[in-house]
Amino acid sequence: MNRKTFLTVSAALLLAMPVASAKEKEANIASDTSGISHAQFVNNIALAAIGMGVKEPLNISMSQESGKKVLTVSGSNSTRCRIPVSDGNPPTMNGISCK
């Protein structure tokens, strides 16, 4: 399995886990200008980015790239994650790329 496939599958599995329990980790999000109102989805995206190396507190923003919505998650280090998302409510993650 190549690295890109492994990272996509790992992130998808992380996002598939429910965040129902109060004992679950809540990401420390300093700012969220994504416009996504589904709090559980935003927290799951944030936790995926933390798992990929972004350090808290997090900043989440949305942009359009080639007509597609892309979330960018950055934090207190230089690692940034770009996450293409669908238009659904809640949206779905269509991959993750972190550098």
N, C-alpha and C. Protein backbone atom coordinates (compact mmCIF):
# COMPACT_ATOMS: atom_id res chain seq x y z
N MET A 1 0.86 -1.17 0.00
CA MET A 1 0.00 0.00 0.00
C MET A 1 0.91 1.23 0.00
N ASN A 2 0.69 2.15 -0.94
CA ASN A 2 1.53 3.32 -0.99
C ASN A 2 1.15 4.30 0.13
N ARG A 3 1.99 5.27 0.37
CA ARG A 3 1.83 6.19 1.49
C ARG A 3 0.53 7.00 1.38
N LYS A 4 0.21 7.49 0.20
CA LYS A 4 -1.00 8.30 0.03
C LYS A 4 -2.24 7.49 0.37
N THR A 5 -2.30 6.25 -0.12
CA THR A 5 -3.44 5.39 0.18
C THR A 5 -3.51 5.10 1.67
N PHE A 6 -2.36 4.83 2.29
CA PHE A 6 -2.32 4.56 3.73
C PHE A 6 -2.83 5.76 4.52
N LEU A 7 -2.38 6.95 4.18
CA LEU A 7 -2.81 8.14 4.90
C LEU A 7 -4.30 8.40 4.72
N THR A 8 -4.81 8.20 3.52
CA THR A 8 -6.24 8.41 3.26
C THR A 8 -7.07 7.40 4.04
N VAL A 9 -6.67 6.14 4.03
CA VAL A 9 -7.40 5.11 4.76
C VAL A 9 -7.33 5.37 6.26
N SER A 10 -6.16 5.75 6.76
CA SER A 10 -6.01 6.03 8.19
C SER A 10 -6.90 7.18 8.62
N ALA A 11 -6.92 8.25 7.85
CA ALA A 11 -7.76 9.39 8.18
C ALA A 11 -9.23 9.04 8.10
N ALA A 12 -9.62 8.25 7.11
CA ALA A 12 -11.03 7.85 6.98
C ALA A 12 -11.46 7.01 8.17
N LEU A 13 -10.58 6.13 8.63
CA LEU A 13 -10.92 5.31 9.81
C LEU A 13 -11.06 6.18 11.05
N LEU A 14 -10.18 7.16 11.20
CA LEU A 14 -10.27 8.07 12.33
C LEU A 14 -11.58 8.84 12.30
N LEU A 15 -11.98 9.30 11.13
CA LEU A 15 -13.22 10.06 11.01
C LEU A 15 -14.45 9.19 11.20
N ALA A 16 -14.32 7.90 10.99
CA ALA A 16 -15.46 7.00 11.14
C ALA A 16 -15.78 6.71 12.60
N MET A 17 -14.83 6.99 13.51
CA MET A 17 -15.06 6.74 14.92
C MET A 17 -16.02 7.78 15.49
N PRO A 18 -17.00 7.34 16.25
CA PRO A 18 -17.95 8.30 16.84
C PRO A 18 -17.29 9.13 17.93
N VAL A 19 -17.77 10.34 18.10
CA VAL A 19 -17.28 11.23 19.14
C VAL A 19 -18.44 11.48 20.10
N ALA A 20 -19.09 10.42 20.53
CA ALA A 20 -20.30 10.54 21.34
C ALA A 20 -20.01 10.70 22.81
N SER A 21 -18.96 10.13 23.29
CA SER A 21 -18.66 10.14 24.72
C SER A 21 -17.99 11.43 25.14
N ALA A 22 -18.33 11.90 26.35
CA ALA A 22 -17.69 13.09 26.89
C ALA A 22 -16.22 12.83 27.17
N LYS A 23 -15.84 11.56 27.26
CA LYS A 23 -14.45 11.20 27.51
C LYS A 23 -13.60 11.32 26.25
N GLU A 24 -14.24 11.45 25.10
CA GLU A 24 -13.52 11.60 23.84
C GLU A 24 -12.80 12.94 23.83
N LYS A 25 -11.69 12.99 23.13
CA LYS A 25 -10.91 14.22 23.06
C LYS A 25 -11.61 15.27 22.22
N GLU A 26 -11.63 16.46 22.72
CA GLU A 26 -12.09 17.62 21.96
C GLU A 26 -10.84 18.37 21.52
N ALA A 27 -10.73 18.66 20.25
CA ALA A 27 -9.58 19.39 19.74
C ALA A 27 -9.62 20.83 20.23
N ASN A 28 -8.44 21.39 20.48
CA ASN A 28 -8.32 22.79 20.88
C ASN A 28 -8.28 23.62 19.60
N ILE A 29 -9.43 24.19 19.22
CA ILE A 29 -9.56 24.96 17.99
C ILE A 29 -9.58 26.44 18.34
N ALA A 30 -8.53 27.17 17.94
CA ALA A 30 -8.44 28.60 18.23
C ALA A 30 -9.37 29.39 17.32
N SER A 31 -9.45 29.02 16.05
CA SER A 31 -10.36 29.71 15.12
C SER A 31 -10.85 28.74 14.07
N ASP A 32 -12.12 28.91 13.71
CA ASP A 32 -12.75 28.08 12.68
C ASP A 32 -13.57 28.99 11.79
N THR A 33 -13.03 29.29 10.62
CA THR A 33 -13.74 30.13 9.65
C THR A 33 -14.21 29.29 8.46
N SER A 34 -14.37 27.99 8.69
CA SER A 34 -14.75 27.08 7.60
C SER A 34 -16.20 27.25 7.18
N GLY A 35 -17.05 27.71 8.08
CA GLY A 35 -18.46 27.83 7.77
C GLY A 35 -19.22 26.52 7.91
N ILE A 36 -18.57 25.46 8.37
CA ILE A 36 -19.22 24.16 8.57
C ILE A 36 -19.87 24.17 9.95
N SER A 37 -21.17 23.95 9.99
CA SER A 37 -21.90 24.03 11.26
C SER A 37 -21.96 22.70 12.00
N HIS A 38 -21.54 21.62 11.40
CA HIS A 38 -21.59 20.30 12.03
C HIS A 38 -20.36 20.14 12.93
N ALA A 39 -20.55 20.36 14.24
CA ALA A 39 -19.44 20.39 15.20
C ALA A 39 -18.69 19.07 15.27
N GLN A 40 -19.38 17.94 15.20
CA GLN A 40 -18.71 16.64 15.28
C GLN A 40 -17.78 16.44 14.09
N PHE A 41 -18.23 16.83 12.90
CA PHE A 41 -17.39 16.70 11.71
C PHE A 41 -16.14 17.57 11.85
N VAL A 42 -16.31 18.81 12.30
CA VAL A 42 -15.16 19.72 12.46
C VAL A 42 -14.19 19.15 13.48
N ASN A 43 -14.70 18.62 14.60
CA ASN A 43 -13.82 18.04 15.61
C ASN A 43 -13.09 16.82 15.05
N ASN A 44 -13.78 15.98 14.27
CA ASN A 44 -13.14 14.81 13.67
C ASN A 44 -12.04 15.20 12.69
N ILE A 45 -12.29 16.24 11.90
CA ILE A 45 -11.26 16.75 10.98
C ILE A 45 -10.06 17.25 11.78
N ALA A 46 -10.34 17.99 12.85
CA ALA A 46 -9.27 18.51 13.69
C ALA A 46 -8.45 17.38 14.30
N LEU A 47 -9.11 16.34 14.81
CA LEU A 47 -8.40 15.21 15.39
C LEU A 47 -7.57 14.47 14.35
N ALA A 48 -8.08 14.37 13.12
CA ALA A 48 -7.30 13.74 12.04
C ALA A 48 -6.04 14.55 11.77
N ALA A 49 -6.16 15.88 11.74
CA ALA A 49 -5.00 16.74 11.50
C ALA A 49 -3.99 16.61 12.64
N ILE A 50 -4.48 16.53 13.87
CA ILE A 50 -3.58 16.34 15.02
C ILE A 50 -2.84 15.02 14.86
N GLY A 51 -3.55 13.98 14.45
CA GLY A 51 -2.93 12.68 14.22
C GLY A 51 -1.88 12.70 13.13
N MET A 52 -2.00 13.67 12.22
CA MET A 52 -1.06 13.80 11.11
C MET A 52 0.08 14.76 11.45
N GLY A 53 0.08 15.32 12.68
CA GLY A 53 1.22 16.12 13.12
C GLY A 53 0.97 17.59 13.33
N VAL A 54 -0.23 18.09 13.10
CA VAL A 54 -0.52 19.51 13.36
C VAL A 54 -0.65 19.67 14.87
N LYS A 55 0.00 20.68 15.42
CA LYS A 55 -0.02 20.93 16.86
C LYS A 55 -1.09 21.94 17.23
N GLU A 56 -1.77 21.68 18.35
CA GLU A 56 -2.80 22.59 18.86
C GLU A 56 -2.16 23.85 19.43
N PRO A 57 -2.90 24.94 19.49
CA PRO A 57 -4.27 25.18 19.05
C PRO A 57 -4.35 25.25 17.52
N LEU A 58 -5.52 24.88 17.00
CA LEU A 58 -5.71 24.76 15.55
C LEU A 58 -6.46 25.94 14.96
N ASN A 59 -6.18 26.20 13.69
CA ASN A 59 -6.92 27.17 12.89
C ASN A 59 -7.46 26.42 11.69
N ILE A 60 -8.77 26.54 11.47
CA ILE A 60 -9.43 25.83 10.37
C ILE A 60 -10.07 26.85 9.44
N SER A 61 -9.78 26.72 8.16
CA SER A 61 -10.36 27.63 7.17
C SER A 61 -10.80 26.84 5.95
N MET A 62 -11.65 27.46 5.15
CA MET A 62 -12.19 26.84 3.93
C MET A 62 -11.79 27.69 2.73
N SER A 63 -11.45 27.03 1.64
CA SER A 63 -11.19 27.74 0.38
C SER A 63 -11.77 26.91 -0.76
N GLN A 64 -11.83 27.52 -1.92
CA GLN A 64 -12.27 26.84 -3.15
C GLN A 64 -11.04 26.65 -4.02
N GLU A 65 -10.79 25.43 -4.45
CA GLU A 65 -9.67 25.14 -5.34
C GLU A 65 -10.19 24.30 -6.49
N SER A 66 -10.12 24.84 -7.67
CA SER A 66 -10.64 24.18 -8.87
C SER A 66 -12.11 23.79 -8.70
N GLY A 67 -12.88 24.67 -8.07
CA GLY A 67 -14.30 24.45 -7.88
C GLY A 67 -14.66 23.48 -6.76
N LYS A 68 -13.68 23.05 -5.98
CA LYS A 68 -13.93 22.11 -4.89
C LYS A 68 -13.59 22.77 -3.56
N LYS A 69 -14.37 22.42 -2.52
CA LYS A 69 -14.11 22.94 -1.18
C LYS A 69 -12.92 22.21 -0.57
N VAL A 70 -12.00 23.00 0.02
CA VAL A 70 -10.83 22.42 0.67
C VAL A 70 -10.68 23.08 2.04
N LEU A 71 -10.65 22.25 3.08
CA LEU A 71 -10.37 22.73 4.42
C LEU A 71 -8.86 22.75 4.61
N THR A 72 -8.36 23.78 5.27
CA THR A 72 -6.96 23.84 5.65
C THR A 72 -6.91 23.90 7.16
N VAL A 73 -6.12 23.00 7.75
CA VAL A 73 -5.94 22.98 9.19
C VAL A 73 -4.48 23.25 9.48
N SER A 74 -4.22 24.30 10.25
CA SER A 74 -2.86 24.64 10.65
C SER A 74 -2.86 24.79 12.16
N GLY A 75 -1.66 24.89 12.73
CA GLY A 75 -1.56 25.01 14.17
C GLY A 75 -0.32 25.76 14.58
N SER A 76 0.21 25.39 15.73
CA SER A 76 1.35 26.10 16.30
C SER A 76 2.69 25.62 15.75
N ASN A 77 2.68 24.69 14.82
CA ASN A 77 3.91 24.29 14.15
C ASN A 77 3.74 24.51 12.64
N SER A 78 4.70 24.07 11.87
CA SER A 78 4.65 24.35 10.43
C SER A 78 3.82 23.34 9.64
N THR A 79 3.33 22.28 10.27
CA THR A 79 2.55 21.27 9.56
C THR A 79 1.16 21.82 9.24
N ARG A 80 0.74 21.63 7.99
CA ARG A 80 -0.59 22.05 7.52
C ARG A 80 -1.23 20.88 6.80
N CYS A 81 -2.53 20.73 7.00
CA CYS A 81 -3.27 19.68 6.30
C CYS A 81 -4.30 20.32 5.38
N ARG A 82 -4.38 19.80 4.17
CA ARG A 82 -5.40 20.19 3.19
C ARG A 82 -6.35 19.01 3.05
N ILE A 83 -7.65 19.29 3.24
CA ILE A 83 -8.64 18.23 3.26
C ILE A 83 -9.78 18.59 2.32
N PRO A 84 -9.84 17.98 1.13
CA PRO A 84 -10.98 18.23 0.24
C PRO A 84 -12.24 17.64 0.89
N VAL A 85 -13.35 18.39 0.83
CA VAL A 85 -14.61 17.93 1.42
C VAL A 85 -15.75 18.06 0.41
N SER A 86 -16.79 17.25 0.63
CA SER A 86 -17.97 17.29 -0.24
C SER A 86 -18.88 18.43 0.18
N ASP A 87 -19.98 18.61 -0.57
CA ASP A 87 -20.95 19.65 -0.27
C ASP A 87 -22.04 19.20 0.69
N GLY A 88 -22.02 17.96 1.16
CA GLY A 88 -23.09 17.43 2.00
C GLY A 88 -23.21 18.10 3.35
N ASN A 89 -24.24 17.72 4.12
CA ASN A 89 -24.42 18.24 5.46
C ASN A 89 -24.68 17.06 6.39
N PRO A 90 -23.72 16.53 7.12
CA PRO A 90 -22.36 17.04 7.15
C PRO A 90 -21.59 16.64 5.90
N PRO A 91 -20.56 17.38 5.59
CA PRO A 91 -19.74 17.01 4.43
C PRO A 91 -18.98 15.73 4.71
N THR A 92 -18.38 15.18 3.70
CA THR A 92 -17.50 14.02 3.88
C THR A 92 -16.10 14.40 3.44
N MET A 93 -15.15 13.77 4.06
CA MET A 93 -13.75 14.01 3.74
C MET A 93 -13.40 13.22 2.50
N ASN A 94 -12.72 13.85 1.55
CA ASN A 94 -12.34 13.18 0.30
C ASN A 94 -10.83 13.03 0.20
N GLY A 95 -10.15 12.84 1.32
CA GLY A 95 -8.71 12.68 1.34
C GLY A 95 -8.08 13.64 2.32
N ILE A 96 -6.79 13.52 2.49
CA ILE A 96 -6.05 14.42 3.38
C ILE A 96 -4.60 14.46 2.90
N SER A 97 -4.02 15.64 2.91
CA SER A 97 -2.63 15.82 2.51
C SER A 97 -2.00 16.76 3.52
N CYS A 98 -0.98 16.27 4.22
CA CYS A 98 -0.33 17.09 5.25
C CYS A 98 1.15 17.22 4.94
N LYS A 99 1.65 18.43 5.16
CA LYS A 99 3.09 18.70 4.96
C LYS A 99 3.58 19.56 6.10
